[in-house]
N, C-alpha and C. Protein backbone atom coordinates (compact mmCIF):
# COMPACT_ATOMS: atom_id res chain seq x y z
N MET A 1 111.91 78.39 54.01
CA MET A 1 111.32 79.59 54.64
C MET A 1 110.90 79.42 56.59
N GLU A 2 111.04 80.24 57.37
CA GLU A 2 111.67 79.58 58.35
C GLU A 2 110.00 80.03 59.03
N LYS A 3 109.58 78.72 59.74
CA LYS A 3 107.60 79.37 60.36
C LYS A 3 108.05 79.87 62.08
N VAL A 4 107.79 80.18 62.54
CA VAL A 4 108.01 80.93 64.68
C VAL A 4 106.46 79.91 64.38
N ILE A 5 106.18 79.77 65.46
CA ILE A 5 104.46 78.96 65.71
C ILE A 5 104.16 80.21 66.47
N VAL A 6 103.25 80.90 66.42
CA VAL A 6 102.37 82.16 67.12
C VAL A 6 100.98 81.37 67.93
N LYS A 7 100.92 81.10 69.49
CA LYS A 7 99.30 80.34 69.40
C LYS A 7 98.36 81.44 69.11
N LEU A 8 97.75 81.33 69.04
CA LEU A 8 96.38 81.93 69.00
C LEU A 8 94.87 81.30 69.80
N VAL A 9 94.51 81.76 70.30
CA VAL A 9 93.23 81.67 71.02
C VAL A 9 92.05 82.75 70.05
N LEU A 10 91.00 82.43 69.75
CA LEU A 10 89.62 82.32 68.19
C LEU A 10 89.07 83.00 69.35
N GLU A 11 87.78 83.93 69.36
CA GLU A 11 86.24 84.12 69.47
C GLU A 11 85.91 82.98 69.19
N ASN A 12 84.50 82.61 69.83
CA ASN A 12 83.75 81.46 68.71
C ASN A 12 83.52 82.17 67.29
N GLY A 13 83.44 81.44 66.01
CA GLY A 13 83.10 81.59 65.05
C GLY A 13 84.07 82.72 64.05
N VAL A 14 85.09 82.78 64.57
CA VAL A 14 85.85 83.70 64.14
C VAL A 14 87.22 82.76 63.52
N GLU A 15 87.35 83.12 62.09
CA GLU A 15 87.97 82.43 61.28
C GLU A 15 89.70 82.96 61.15
N GLN A 16 90.44 81.80 61.94
CA GLN A 16 92.07 82.30 61.75
C GLN A 16 92.35 83.03 60.51
N PRO A 17 93.04 84.23 61.06
CA PRO A 17 94.10 84.72 60.30
C PRO A 17 94.56 83.77 58.87
N LYS A 18 94.82 83.84 57.38
CA LYS A 18 95.63 83.44 56.53
C LYS A 18 96.39 84.10 55.56
N TYR A 19 97.21 84.03 55.29
CA TYR A 19 97.79 83.81 53.89
C TYR A 19 97.53 84.04 52.70
N MET A 20 97.16 84.96 51.77
CA MET A 20 95.63 84.64 51.13
C MET A 20 96.56 84.40 49.49
N THR A 21 98.22 84.34 49.73
CA THR A 21 99.09 83.79 48.44
C THR A 21 99.71 83.09 49.02
N GLN A 22 100.37 82.17 47.89
CA GLN A 22 101.92 81.93 48.74
C GLN A 22 103.11 82.86 49.15
N GLY A 23 103.42 83.66 48.40
CA GLY A 23 104.74 84.37 48.62
C GLY A 23 103.77 85.83 49.83
N ALA A 24 102.49 85.66 50.34
CA ALA A 24 102.33 86.45 50.95
C ALA A 24 102.56 87.32 51.93
N ALA A 25 103.58 88.11 52.79
CA ALA A 25 103.89 88.97 54.16
C ALA A 25 102.92 88.40 55.00
N GLY A 26 101.83 89.30 55.01
CA GLY A 26 101.24 89.22 55.81
C GLY A 26 99.30 88.26 56.06
N MET A 27 99.44 87.79 56.67
CA MET A 27 98.46 87.42 57.17
C MET A 27 96.79 88.56 56.98
N ASP A 28 96.24 87.83 56.34
CA ASP A 28 95.05 88.53 56.72
C ASP A 28 93.66 88.48 57.73
N VAL A 29 93.08 89.53 58.24
CA VAL A 29 92.29 89.31 59.43
C VAL A 29 91.49 89.69 59.75
N GLN A 30 90.28 89.25 59.94
CA GLN A 30 88.64 89.83 59.95
C GLN A 30 87.59 90.37 60.79
N ALA A 31 86.84 92.14 60.70
CA ALA A 31 86.15 92.78 61.30
C ALA A 31 85.49 91.38 62.52
N PHE A 32 85.09 91.15 63.64
CA PHE A 32 84.72 90.52 64.46
C PHE A 32 83.41 91.22 64.89
N ILE A 33 82.66 92.02 64.08
CA ILE A 33 81.49 92.99 64.61
C ILE A 33 80.03 92.12 63.96
N ARG A 34 78.84 92.12 64.70
CA ARG A 34 77.75 91.54 64.50
C ARG A 34 76.84 92.02 63.82
N GLU A 35 77.48 93.87 63.83
CA GLU A 35 76.55 94.68 62.56
C GLU A 35 77.22 95.71 62.11
N ALA A 36 77.34 95.40 60.55
CA ALA A 36 78.08 96.40 59.84
C ALA A 36 78.71 97.98 60.32
N VAL A 37 79.46 98.44 60.35
CA VAL A 37 79.94 99.89 60.81
C VAL A 37 79.97 100.76 60.24
N ILE A 38 79.69 101.94 60.23
CA ILE A 38 79.61 102.40 59.09
C ILE A 38 80.89 104.39 59.48
N LEU A 39 81.61 104.15 58.64
CA LEU A 39 82.94 104.89 58.85
C LEU A 39 82.38 105.99 57.76
N LYS A 40 82.57 107.61 58.37
CA LYS A 40 82.01 108.65 57.91
C LYS A 40 83.02 109.08 57.18
N PRO A 41 83.50 110.03 56.50
CA PRO A 41 84.38 111.00 56.11
C PRO A 41 85.69 110.95 57.00
N LEU A 42 86.72 110.99 57.66
CA LEU A 42 87.56 111.30 58.20
C LEU A 42 87.26 110.77 59.83
N GLU A 43 86.59 109.68 59.78
CA GLU A 43 86.28 108.84 60.65
C GLU A 43 86.40 107.85 61.68
N ARG A 44 87.08 107.88 62.55
CA ARG A 44 88.02 106.27 62.53
C ARG A 44 87.41 105.48 63.60
N ALA A 45 87.29 103.57 63.49
CA ALA A 45 86.79 103.54 64.68
C ALA A 45 87.63 102.42 65.16
N LEU A 46 87.25 101.39 66.18
CA LEU A 46 88.77 100.53 66.91
C LEU A 46 87.81 99.23 66.38
N ILE A 47 87.76 98.74 64.97
CA ILE A 47 87.12 97.55 65.07
C ILE A 47 87.72 96.27 65.60
N PRO A 48 86.69 95.36 66.41
CA PRO A 48 87.34 93.70 67.25
C PRO A 48 87.98 92.92 66.33
N THR A 49 88.88 92.22 66.49
CA THR A 49 89.24 91.10 65.30
C THR A 49 88.70 89.17 66.07
N GLY A 50 88.43 89.57 67.10
CA GLY A 50 87.92 88.26 68.15
C GLY A 50 89.44 86.86 68.02
N ILE A 51 90.83 87.38 68.41
CA ILE A 51 91.73 86.59 68.36
C ILE A 51 92.83 87.31 69.27
N LYS A 52 93.42 86.55 70.48
CA LYS A 52 94.78 87.00 71.27
C LYS A 52 95.26 86.20 70.63
N MET A 53 96.56 86.65 70.63
CA MET A 53 97.78 85.82 70.56
C MET A 53 98.84 85.35 72.24
N GLU A 54 99.65 84.19 71.57
CA GLU A 54 100.87 84.42 72.39
C GLU A 54 101.47 84.52 71.10
N ILE A 55 102.56 85.21 71.00
CA ILE A 55 104.18 85.98 70.59
C ILE A 55 104.95 85.16 70.55
N PRO A 56 105.72 84.72 70.40
CA PRO A 56 107.04 84.95 70.97
C PRO A 56 107.38 85.63 71.56
N TYR A 57 108.41 85.76 72.68
CA TYR A 57 109.40 86.67 73.20
C TYR A 57 110.65 86.50 72.27
N GLY A 58 111.11 88.22 71.52
CA GLY A 58 111.73 88.52 70.73
C GLY A 58 111.37 88.83 69.23
N TYR A 59 109.51 89.05 69.03
CA TYR A 59 108.54 89.29 68.00
C TYR A 59 108.35 89.75 68.31
N GLU A 60 107.35 90.64 67.18
CA GLU A 60 106.13 90.98 67.38
C GLU A 60 105.46 91.10 66.60
N VAL A 61 103.76 90.80 66.48
CA VAL A 61 103.23 91.36 65.30
C VAL A 61 102.96 92.83 65.03
N GLN A 62 103.32 92.86 63.00
CA GLN A 62 103.11 94.20 63.00
C GLN A 62 101.40 94.35 62.54
N VAL A 63 100.55 94.73 62.40
CA VAL A 63 99.07 95.25 62.34
C VAL A 63 99.14 96.32 61.36
N ARG A 64 99.34 95.61 59.77
CA ARG A 64 98.99 96.73 58.21
C ARG A 64 97.93 97.45 57.31
N PRO A 65 97.86 97.85 56.92
CA PRO A 65 96.67 98.35 55.91
C PRO A 65 96.71 97.55 54.72
N ARG A 66 95.59 97.41 54.60
CA ARG A 66 95.89 96.18 53.26
C ARG A 66 94.83 97.33 51.87
N SER A 67 96.62 97.07 50.92
CA SER A 67 96.70 98.04 50.01
C SER A 67 94.96 98.28 49.13
N GLY A 68 94.05 97.31 49.19
CA GLY A 68 93.04 96.97 48.33
C GLY A 68 91.72 98.20 48.57
N LEU A 69 92.04 98.18 50.07
CA LEU A 69 90.67 99.16 50.77
C LEU A 69 91.52 100.39 50.72
N ALA A 70 92.83 100.47 50.60
CA ALA A 70 93.78 101.92 50.59
C ALA A 70 93.17 102.69 49.27
N ILE A 71 93.62 102.03 48.76
CA ILE A 71 93.13 102.28 47.08
C ILE A 71 91.92 102.82 46.55
N LYS A 72 91.23 100.96 47.07
CA LYS A 72 89.59 102.01 46.00
C LYS A 72 88.92 102.25 47.14
N HIS A 73 88.93 102.48 48.42
CA HIS A 73 88.53 103.50 49.67
C HIS A 73 88.68 104.25 50.54
N GLY A 74 90.04 104.53 50.01
CA GLY A 74 90.76 105.34 50.93
C GLY A 74 90.38 105.02 52.43
N ILE A 75 90.80 103.68 53.06
CA ILE A 75 90.64 102.92 53.71
C ILE A 75 92.14 102.77 54.49
N THR A 76 92.22 103.32 55.67
CA THR A 76 94.04 102.46 55.83
C THR A 76 93.48 102.69 57.73
N LEU A 77 94.87 101.99 58.51
CA LEU A 77 94.77 102.31 60.14
C LEU A 77 95.59 103.65 60.15
N VAL A 78 94.93 104.06 60.98
CA VAL A 78 95.94 105.43 61.87
C VAL A 78 96.98 104.94 62.47
N ASN A 79 97.71 104.12 63.39
CA ASN A 79 98.46 104.00 63.38
C ASN A 79 99.05 102.78 63.01
N THR A 80 99.64 103.31 61.45
CA THR A 80 100.20 101.85 60.96
C THR A 80 101.62 102.38 60.56
N PRO A 81 102.39 100.77 60.65
CA PRO A 81 101.89 99.68 61.74
C PRO A 81 101.42 99.88 63.45
N GLY A 82 100.55 99.41 63.08
CA GLY A 82 100.83 98.70 64.83
C GLY A 82 101.20 97.95 65.26
N THR A 83 102.11 98.53 66.63
CA THR A 83 102.83 96.75 66.59
C THR A 83 102.15 95.73 67.78
N ILE A 84 102.40 94.68 68.26
CA ILE A 84 101.19 94.08 69.05
C ILE A 84 102.43 93.24 69.34
N ASP A 85 102.53 94.09 70.87
CA ASP A 85 103.95 93.02 71.54
C ASP A 85 103.46 91.98 72.63
N SER A 86 104.63 90.64 72.68
CA SER A 86 105.06 89.80 73.13
C SER A 86 104.03 90.03 74.20
N ASP A 87 104.54 90.36 75.06
CA ASP A 87 103.41 90.30 76.55
C ASP A 87 102.02 90.38 76.13
N TYR A 88 101.37 91.20 75.22
CA TYR A 88 100.26 91.49 74.99
C TYR A 88 98.90 90.37 74.68
N ARG A 89 98.23 90.00 75.70
CA ARG A 89 97.24 89.03 75.92
C ARG A 89 95.60 89.09 74.72
N GLY A 90 95.52 90.77 74.99
CA GLY A 90 93.91 90.65 75.27
C GLY A 90 93.94 90.89 73.41
N GLU A 91 92.42 91.15 73.06
CA GLU A 91 91.96 91.09 72.20
C GLU A 91 92.71 91.81 71.07
N VAL A 92 93.15 91.30 69.72
CA VAL A 92 93.45 92.17 68.94
C VAL A 92 92.09 93.22 68.19
N GLY A 93 92.76 94.33 68.63
CA GLY A 93 91.72 95.73 67.91
C GLY A 93 91.95 96.22 66.63
N ILE A 94 92.08 96.65 65.24
CA ILE A 94 92.15 97.57 64.71
C ILE A 94 91.52 98.73 63.96
N ILE A 95 92.85 99.62 63.76
CA ILE A 95 92.00 101.41 64.43
C ILE A 95 91.66 101.55 62.36
N LEU A 96 90.87 101.46 62.63
CA LEU A 96 90.15 102.22 61.02
C LEU A 96 90.31 103.68 61.06
N ILE A 97 90.31 104.14 59.80
CA ILE A 97 90.04 105.26 59.30
C ILE A 97 89.92 105.55 57.69
N ASN A 98 88.57 106.14 57.57
CA ASN A 98 88.33 106.49 56.28
C ASN A 98 88.92 108.13 55.53
N LEU A 99 90.16 107.84 54.99
CA LEU A 99 90.54 108.80 54.39
C LEU A 99 89.78 109.90 52.82
N SER A 100 88.65 108.79 52.22
CA SER A 100 87.58 109.00 50.93
C SER A 100 86.67 110.20 52.02
N ASN A 101 86.07 110.75 50.73
CA ASN A 101 84.78 111.27 50.85
C ASN A 101 83.42 110.78 51.44
N THR A 102 83.15 109.60 50.96
CA THR A 102 82.13 109.22 51.39
C THR A 102 82.28 107.79 52.36
N ASP A 103 81.35 108.24 52.79
CA ASP A 103 81.18 106.80 53.64
C ASP A 103 81.61 105.82 53.42
N PHE A 104 81.95 104.89 54.00
CA PHE A 104 82.48 103.31 53.69
C PHE A 104 81.57 102.12 55.26
N THR A 105 81.32 100.79 54.72
CA THR A 105 80.78 100.51 55.83
C THR A 105 81.54 99.29 55.30
N VAL A 106 82.18 99.05 57.03
CA VAL A 106 82.86 97.63 57.43
C VAL A 106 82.07 96.52 57.30
N ASN A 107 81.65 95.70 56.68
CA ASN A 107 80.99 94.29 57.10
C ASN A 107 81.04 93.67 58.08
N PRO A 108 80.68 92.88 58.98
CA PRO A 108 80.74 91.33 59.59
C PRO A 108 82.07 90.77 58.80
N GLY A 109 83.10 90.13 59.07
CA GLY A 109 83.89 88.93 58.73
C GLY A 109 84.73 89.61 57.74
N GLU A 110 84.92 91.08 56.59
CA GLU A 110 85.38 92.11 56.05
C GLU A 110 86.87 91.99 56.55
N ARG A 111 88.01 91.58 55.41
CA ARG A 111 89.09 91.32 55.63
C ARG A 111 89.50 92.77 55.66
N ILE A 112 90.13 93.70 57.32
CA ILE A 112 90.79 94.50 57.47
C ILE A 112 91.99 95.16 57.25
N GLY A 113 92.85 94.22 57.89
CA GLY A 113 94.18 94.36 58.00
C GLY A 113 95.08 93.01 57.47
N GLN A 114 96.10 93.06 57.98
CA GLN A 114 97.22 92.19 58.18
C GLN A 114 98.13 92.59 58.17
N LEU A 115 97.85 90.77 59.61
CA LEU A 115 99.45 90.47 60.45
C LEU A 115 100.48 90.09 59.79
N VAL A 116 102.07 90.79 60.01
CA VAL A 116 103.19 90.28 60.05
C VAL A 116 103.69 90.21 61.07
N LEU A 117 104.74 88.72 61.12
CA LEU A 117 105.56 88.41 61.78
C LEU A 117 106.74 89.01 61.37
N GLN A 118 107.79 89.82 63.23
CA GLN A 118 108.95 90.52 62.67
C GLN A 118 109.41 89.99 64.08
N LYS A 119 110.93 90.29 63.76
CA LYS A 119 111.68 89.74 64.95
C LYS A 119 112.17 91.02 65.17
N VAL A 120 112.24 90.95 66.58
CA VAL A 120 112.54 92.84 67.23
C VAL A 120 114.07 92.57 67.70
N TYR A 121 114.85 93.41 68.13
CA TYR A 121 115.92 93.62 68.13
C TYR A 121 116.00 95.12 69.60
N LYS A 122 116.45 94.69 70.73
CA LYS A 122 116.38 95.57 71.74
C LYS A 122 117.44 96.58 71.69
N MET A 123 117.58 97.68 71.82
CA MET A 123 118.42 99.04 71.25
C MET A 123 119.25 99.07 72.74
N GLU A 124 119.96 99.39 72.68
CA GLU A 124 120.68 99.56 74.13
C GLU A 124 121.51 101.21 73.74
N PHE A 125 121.11 102.00 74.48
CA PHE A 125 122.04 103.95 73.62
C PHE A 125 123.15 103.93 74.28
N LYS A 126 123.95 104.49 74.08
CA LYS A 126 124.88 104.81 74.62
C LYS A 126 125.75 106.34 74.06
N GLU A 127 125.44 106.80 75.42
CA GLU A 127 125.28 108.86 75.51
C GLU A 127 126.83 109.06 75.42
N VAL A 128 126.63 110.49 74.49
CA VAL A 128 127.98 110.34 73.40
C VAL A 128 128.14 112.10 73.52
N SER A 129 129.66 113.06 73.17
CA SER A 129 128.65 113.96 73.19
C SER A 129 129.06 114.71 71.70
N ILE A 130 129.22 113.26 70.34
CA ILE A 130 129.23 114.57 69.45
C ILE A 130 129.50 113.11 68.94
N LEU A 131 128.26 113.01 67.51
CA LEU A 131 127.93 112.05 65.80
C LEU A 131 128.91 112.12 65.65
N GLU A 132 129.48 111.40 64.45
CA GLU A 132 129.57 111.56 63.38
C GLU A 132 128.97 111.98 62.00
N GLU A 133 130.20 113.11 60.98
CA GLU A 133 129.67 113.39 60.03
C GLU A 133 128.68 112.82 58.87
N THR A 134 127.73 112.79 58.39
CA THR A 134 127.56 112.54 57.27
C THR A 134 127.68 113.72 56.44
N GLU A 135 127.20 113.25 55.02
CA GLU A 135 127.13 114.52 53.98
C GLU A 135 125.69 115.15 53.87
N ARG A 136 125.11 113.89 54.47
CA ARG A 136 123.34 114.20 54.76
C ARG A 136 123.08 115.66 56.10
N ALA A 137 123.96 115.62 56.93
CA ALA A 137 124.11 116.08 57.90
C ALA A 137 122.50 115.44 58.49
N GLU A 138 121.67 117.19 59.62
CA GLU A 138 120.87 117.47 59.63
C GLU A 138 119.38 117.52 58.53
N GLY A 139 119.73 117.42 57.33
CA GLY A 139 118.74 116.98 56.62
C GLY A 139 117.86 115.99 56.87
N GLY A 140 116.20 116.48 56.68
CA GLY A 140 115.34 116.01 56.69
C GLY A 140 114.07 116.19 56.46
N PHE A 141 113.14 115.33 55.77
CA PHE A 141 111.09 116.24 56.01
C PHE A 141 111.56 117.05 54.24
N GLY A 142 111.95 115.59 52.97
CA GLY A 142 111.90 116.63 52.24
C GLY A 142 113.09 117.75 51.34
N HIS A 143 114.10 117.27 52.18
CA HIS A 143 115.24 117.47 52.04
C HIS A 143 115.69 117.88 50.74
N THR A 144 115.97 116.77 50.26
CA THR A 144 116.87 115.91 48.70
C THR A 144 114.73 117.10 47.50
N GLY A 145 114.34 117.15 48.08
CA GLY A 145 113.17 117.75 47.06
C GLY A 145 111.64 117.64 47.87
N LYS A 146 111.36 117.05 46.65
CA LYS A 146 109.71 116.40 46.89
C LYS A 146 108.84 115.38 47.75
């Protein structure tokens, strides 16, 4: 598997994101908070990670939810996947939301998301007067059933 170098600056005491298994696509990232944050049902909060990255041009890092937090606690990300652009140099923050009906406590150092490196392709639009027809046409939003 090809490796791409992403430069990283860590706040004092922050653990470097890491792959939890050999086949993992995403690196787990932790909450960089001094005190626990309580998320009430349907509440969201920006949780700092204490990391800054220099992502190579032509790539992005996507911030994705952790499936364990989602299924066990109803915790996910508001903007999933979140995109960290190659020219962003600020601290990575993760917007968590509690979709459950009970409070959830985010503890310091808790794994709250995962980072996935993706190649980016630039689009160029070509304006035309008509598009090729397909069987699907304009069907969308559940047009094939539930």
